[in-house]
Amino acid sequence: MPAVKAAKPNEIFARDEWAALTRVSRWHGLWLTAHGWLMVALVTGGTALLWQWHWLAGLIATPIALVLVGGRQLGLSILMHEAAHGLLHPKRKINNFAGQWLTGAATGSDLHSYRAYHLTHHRFTQQTEDPDLGLSAAFPTSKASMKRKVIRDLTGQTFLKQRGNQFAVAWKGLQAMLSGAQDSAPSAKRDHSAGTPLNRNGAAGVAAPVIDLEGAKRTTRTVGRFLLVQLIVLLVSLATLGIVPFLIWLAALATTFQLILRIRNIAEHACTTTGSEDPFSHARTTKADMLMRMTLAPYWVNYHSEHHLFMGVPCYNLPKAHELLIAKGYGPRMTIANSYADVLRTVTTPVAA
């Protein structure tokens, strides 16, 4: 199918407006990265102190901590996404280092593999070639089906399935590294799409066999970075407040992060009127209050329509892009939800026969 049509910024914004929107700060992206880790430290550390003070206080605080930490883990993933677009820092080496090691490694993603497939998502949004199509094609669905998904996420089943597949691929890659095995197929025919299964939640990304040894080796390196970050978090936890901060981090990664990631994916494209003709219909923007920004919508990820319209705009400038679009009368062409609760009601409402 043809690529979806793109918006033309010069027909929408004045030159100075566009220059301001697309300016990549030398400090803002790095500050957001530090902010994400600082919030994790404050929440996990504060909860550990409450456990030390009184077990009941710790017990009450832990579920809240799991939600907040899961939200920051999504935040780190969003900042890796920024780096995939070259928007975390104007210098490429710094941008890629922050996207690979300071953000992506925390949740087990590879920046370069993510970048390759994600740009395909932008080019063919909701078309057959879109690698993210599986995240939204199943909707609307029944409330019972949605409930089963929530249970799988919050009980760690989704996490175990994903990590099991990722580690199996990494083991295959490690064996190839140790034996010196190489792909026999010409490089042009190699399949790298399943080399990093956590880049997608769909069946193709999670369960597809990796037929490319180079993709498997990349997964091995991805898992190596992931495990190193977990080890660092563990050592810092043990050196300061004991095992509790690390356990909260790990438990959130296995439970709330999975559900928050799912809801974010659903909100972006499920049940939209996406098509190739109107670029303003390619994604959904969801209004978010402070609580949502702390959990489901960190770092302005809720402005997804604006991101698809202008993927060269850093996340911290998306609210201004939204404000300008509304002021210029483009709001009626956009898909805008009043809340994430509204989105969930939309995607669990049966289509009339």
Foldseek 3Di string as FASTA:
>chain_A
DAWFDAADVVVQDDPVVVCVQLDADAPPLVVLLVVLVVQLCCLLVVLLVLCVVDVVSSVVSLVVSLQLNLQSLVVLVVSLVCLLLVRSHVDNVVSQCCSAQSRCLQLLFHSVLLSVLVVQCLGHPCHPSNPAVQLAVCFLAAPVVVVVQQVCQAVLVLVCQQVVQLVVLLVLLVVCVVVVDADPDPPVPADLNQLRLVSYSGCCSRPNDHPHSVSSVVSNVSVVSNVVVLVVQQVVCCVPSRRRSSVSNVSSSRHSNSVLVSLLSLQWAHPWPDDRHDLQRSTEAEDDDPVCCSGNQPLQSSLNSQCSNPVSGGSVSSVVVVVSCVVSPNVVSHHYHHHSVRSSCRRNDDDDD
